[in-house]
Amino acid sequence: MKQHSEKRTEVAVKLLMETLTQNLNDTGVVLDEFEATHNDWECDQSKQYAALVAGHFALKEAIDEINNRLNK
């Protein structure tokens, strides 16, 4: 039972990292597109853009934290 739960945890972490990485890549593409089509003032005024920026960097922080814990 112990080995089973350890294996399930390992798989869950792998899937989580894949999902977070894909979301980071996807949000990066959207942010790049928004920045290419809007000037700085428009970016500053967009609540959705600001929310996506916050989410994007939170994803990066989560990925870094998971990697740090796995590499200890």
N, C-alpha and C. Protein backbone atom coordinates (compact mmCIF):
# COMPACT_ATOMS: atom_id res chain seq x y z
N MET A 1 0.83 -1.20 0.00
CA MET A 1 0.00 0.00 0.00
C MET A 1 0.87 1.26 0.00
N LYS A 2 1.95 1.24 0.78
CA LYS A 2 2.85 2.37 0.86
C LYS A 2 3.49 2.66 -0.50
N GLN A 3 3.98 1.61 -1.17
CA GLN A 3 4.59 1.77 -2.49
C GLN A 3 3.57 2.29 -3.50
N HIS A 4 2.34 1.80 -3.39
CA HIS A 4 1.29 2.23 -4.30
C HIS A 4 1.04 3.74 -4.16
N SER A 5 0.93 4.22 -2.94
CA SER A 5 0.67 5.65 -2.73
C SER A 5 1.88 6.49 -3.16
N GLU A 6 3.08 5.98 -2.97
CA GLU A 6 4.28 6.69 -3.41
C GLU A 6 4.32 6.79 -4.93
N LYS A 7 3.95 5.71 -5.61
CA LYS A 7 3.93 5.72 -7.07
C LYS A 7 2.86 6.68 -7.59
N ARG A 8 1.68 6.66 -6.95
CA ARG A 8 0.60 7.57 -7.36
C ARG A 8 1.02 9.03 -7.16
N THR A 9 1.74 9.31 -6.09
CA THR A 9 2.24 10.66 -5.84
C THR A 9 3.24 11.07 -6.90
N GLU A 10 4.12 10.16 -7.25
CA GLU A 10 5.11 10.43 -8.30
C GLU A 10 4.43 10.75 -9.62
N VAL A 11 3.45 9.96 -9.98
CA VAL A 11 2.71 10.18 -11.23
C VAL A 11 1.96 11.52 -11.17
N ALA A 12 1.35 11.82 -10.02
CA ALA A 12 0.60 13.07 -9.88
C ALA A 12 1.51 14.28 -10.03
N VAL A 13 2.71 14.21 -9.45
CA VAL A 13 3.66 15.32 -9.58
C VAL A 13 4.07 15.49 -11.04
N LYS A 14 4.32 14.38 -11.72
CA LYS A 14 4.70 14.45 -13.14
C LYS A 14 3.58 15.09 -13.96
N LEU A 15 2.35 14.68 -13.73
CA LEU A 15 1.22 15.25 -14.46
C LEU A 15 1.02 16.72 -14.12
N LEU A 16 1.19 17.06 -12.85
CA LEU A 16 1.07 18.46 -12.44
C LEU A 16 2.11 19.33 -13.14
N MET A 17 3.34 18.85 -13.18
CA MET A 17 4.40 19.61 -13.85
C MET A 17 4.11 19.77 -15.34
N GLU A 18 3.61 18.72 -15.97
CA GLU A 18 3.26 18.81 -17.39
C GLU A 18 2.16 19.85 -17.61
N THR A 19 1.16 19.82 -16.75
CA THR A 19 0.04 20.76 -16.87
C THR A 19 0.49 22.19 -16.62
N LEU A 20 1.25 22.39 -15.56
CA LEU A 20 1.73 23.74 -15.26
C LEU A 20 2.62 24.27 -16.38
N THR A 21 3.48 23.43 -16.91
CA THR A 21 4.37 23.84 -17.99
C THR A 21 3.57 24.19 -19.24
N GLN A 22 2.58 23.38 -19.58
CA GLN A 22 1.76 23.68 -20.75
C GLN A 22 0.99 24.98 -20.56
N ASN A 23 0.45 25.18 -19.35
CA ASN A 23 -0.27 26.43 -19.07
C ASN A 23 0.67 27.63 -19.13
N LEU A 24 1.89 27.48 -18.63
CA LEU A 24 2.87 28.55 -18.69
C LEU A 24 3.17 28.90 -20.15
N ASN A 25 3.37 27.88 -20.96
CA ASN A 25 3.64 28.12 -22.39
C ASN A 25 2.45 28.79 -23.07
N ASP A 26 1.25 28.31 -22.78
CA ASP A 26 0.04 28.87 -23.41
C ASP A 26 -0.17 30.32 -23.00
N THR A 27 -0.03 30.62 -21.71
CA THR A 27 -0.22 32.00 -21.28
C THR A 27 0.87 32.90 -21.84
N GLY A 28 2.07 32.38 -21.98
CA GLY A 28 3.15 33.15 -22.58
C GLY A 28 2.84 33.55 -24.01
N VAL A 29 2.27 32.64 -24.77
CA VAL A 29 1.89 32.94 -26.16
C VAL A 29 0.83 34.03 -26.20
N VAL A 30 -0.18 33.89 -25.34
CA VAL A 30 -1.26 34.88 -25.31
C VAL A 30 -0.72 36.25 -24.89
N LEU A 31 0.13 36.28 -23.89
CA LEU A 31 0.72 37.55 -23.46
C LEU A 31 1.55 38.18 -24.56
N ASP A 32 2.34 37.37 -25.25
CA ASP A 32 3.14 37.89 -26.36
C ASP A 32 2.26 38.49 -27.45
N GLU A 33 1.16 37.80 -27.77
CA GLU A 33 0.23 38.30 -28.79
C GLU A 33 -0.41 39.61 -28.34
N PHE A 34 -0.82 39.66 -27.08
CA PHE A 34 -1.46 40.88 -26.56
C PHE A 34 -0.48 42.05 -26.62
N GLU A 35 0.75 41.80 -26.18
CA GLU A 35 1.76 42.85 -26.17
C GLU A 35 2.12 43.31 -27.59
N ALA A 36 2.04 42.41 -28.55
CA ALA A 36 2.34 42.76 -29.94
C ALA A 36 1.24 43.60 -30.58
N THR A 37 0.03 43.49 -30.04
CA THR A 37 -1.10 44.19 -30.67
C THR A 37 -1.62 45.36 -29.84
N HIS A 38 -1.03 45.61 -28.68
CA HIS A 38 -1.47 46.70 -27.82
C HIS A 38 -0.26 47.52 -27.36
N ASN A 39 -0.48 48.81 -27.20
CA ASN A 39 0.62 49.65 -26.70
C ASN A 39 0.70 49.53 -25.18
N ASP A 40 1.72 50.15 -24.60
CA ASP A 40 1.95 50.04 -23.16
C ASP A 40 0.76 50.55 -22.35
N TRP A 41 0.18 51.64 -22.77
CA TRP A 41 -0.97 52.20 -22.06
C TRP A 41 -2.13 51.22 -22.06
N GLU A 42 -2.40 50.60 -23.20
CA GLU A 42 -3.49 49.62 -23.28
C GLU A 42 -3.20 48.41 -22.39
N CYS A 43 -1.97 47.98 -22.36
CA CYS A 43 -1.59 46.86 -21.47
C CYS A 43 -1.82 47.25 -20.01
N ASP A 44 -1.41 48.47 -19.67
CA ASP A 44 -1.58 48.94 -18.29
C ASP A 44 -3.05 49.05 -17.90
N GLN A 45 -3.91 49.34 -18.84
CA GLN A 45 -5.33 49.54 -18.55
C GLN A 45 -6.14 48.25 -18.52
N SER A 46 -5.62 47.18 -19.06
CA SER A 46 -6.37 45.93 -19.18
C SER A 46 -6.30 45.10 -17.89
N LYS A 47 -7.43 44.92 -17.27
CA LYS A 47 -7.50 44.08 -16.07
C LYS A 47 -7.24 42.61 -16.42
N GLN A 48 -7.74 42.18 -17.58
CA GLN A 48 -7.53 40.79 -17.99
C GLN A 48 -6.05 40.52 -18.25
N TYR A 49 -5.38 41.47 -18.88
CA TYR A 49 -3.95 41.33 -19.14
C TYR A 49 -3.19 41.24 -17.82
N ALA A 50 -3.50 42.14 -16.89
CA ALA A 50 -2.82 42.14 -15.60
C ALA A 50 -3.06 40.83 -14.85
N ALA A 51 -4.29 40.32 -14.93
CA ALA A 51 -4.60 39.06 -14.27
C ALA A 51 -3.82 37.91 -14.91
N LEU A 52 -3.71 37.92 -16.23
CA LEU A 52 -2.98 36.87 -16.92
C LEU A 52 -1.49 36.94 -16.60
N VAL A 53 -0.95 38.15 -16.52
CA VAL A 53 0.46 38.32 -16.14
C VAL A 53 0.69 37.73 -14.75
N ALA A 54 -0.21 38.06 -13.81
CA ALA A 54 -0.08 37.53 -12.45
C ALA A 54 -0.14 36.01 -12.45
N GLY A 55 -1.08 35.45 -13.18
CA GLY A 55 -1.20 34.00 -13.26
C GLY A 55 0.01 33.36 -13.90
N HIS A 56 0.51 33.99 -14.95
CA HIS A 56 1.68 33.47 -15.67
C HIS A 56 2.88 33.36 -14.72
N PHE A 57 3.12 34.42 -13.96
CA PHE A 57 4.27 34.39 -13.06
C PHE A 57 4.03 33.49 -11.86
N ALA A 58 2.79 33.33 -11.46
CA ALA A 58 2.48 32.37 -10.38
C ALA A 58 2.76 30.94 -10.85
N LEU A 59 2.44 30.65 -12.11
CA LEU A 59 2.76 29.34 -12.67
C LEU A 59 4.26 29.10 -12.65
N LYS A 60 5.02 30.11 -13.06
CA LYS A 60 6.49 29.99 -13.08
C LYS A 60 7.02 29.75 -11.67
N GLU A 61 6.49 30.48 -10.69
CA GLU A 61 6.93 30.29 -9.31
C GLU A 61 6.58 28.89 -8.81
N ALA A 62 5.41 28.40 -9.16
CA ALA A 62 5.01 27.05 -8.74
C ALA A 62 5.94 26.00 -9.34
N ILE A 63 6.25 26.14 -10.61
CA ILE A 63 7.15 25.20 -11.27
C ILE A 63 8.52 25.23 -10.60
N ASP A 64 9.03 26.43 -10.35
CA ASP A 64 10.34 26.56 -9.70
C ASP A 64 10.33 25.94 -8.30
N GLU A 65 9.27 26.17 -7.55
CA GLU A 65 9.17 25.63 -6.19
C GLU A 65 9.13 24.09 -6.20
N ILE A 66 8.36 23.53 -7.12
CA ILE A 66 8.29 22.07 -7.23
C ILE A 66 9.66 21.51 -7.60
N ASN A 67 10.31 22.13 -8.58
CA ASN A 67 11.64 21.67 -8.98
C ASN A 67 12.63 21.77 -7.83
N ASN A 68 12.57 22.86 -7.07
CA ASN A 68 13.47 23.01 -5.91
C ASN A 68 13.26 21.90 -4.90
N ARG A 69 12.00 21.58 -4.62
CA ARG A 69 11.71 20.53 -3.64
C ARG A 69 12.14 19.15 -4.15
N LEU A 70 11.98 18.92 -5.43
CA LEU A 70 12.35 17.63 -6.00
C LEU A 70 13.86 17.46 -6.08
N ASN A 71 14.57 18.56 -6.19
CA ASN A 71 16.03 18.49 -6.35
C ASN A 71 16.80 18.63 -5.04
N LYS A 72 16.09 18.63 -3.92
CA LYS A 72 16.77 18.72 -2.61
C LYS A 72 17.46 17.43 -2.29
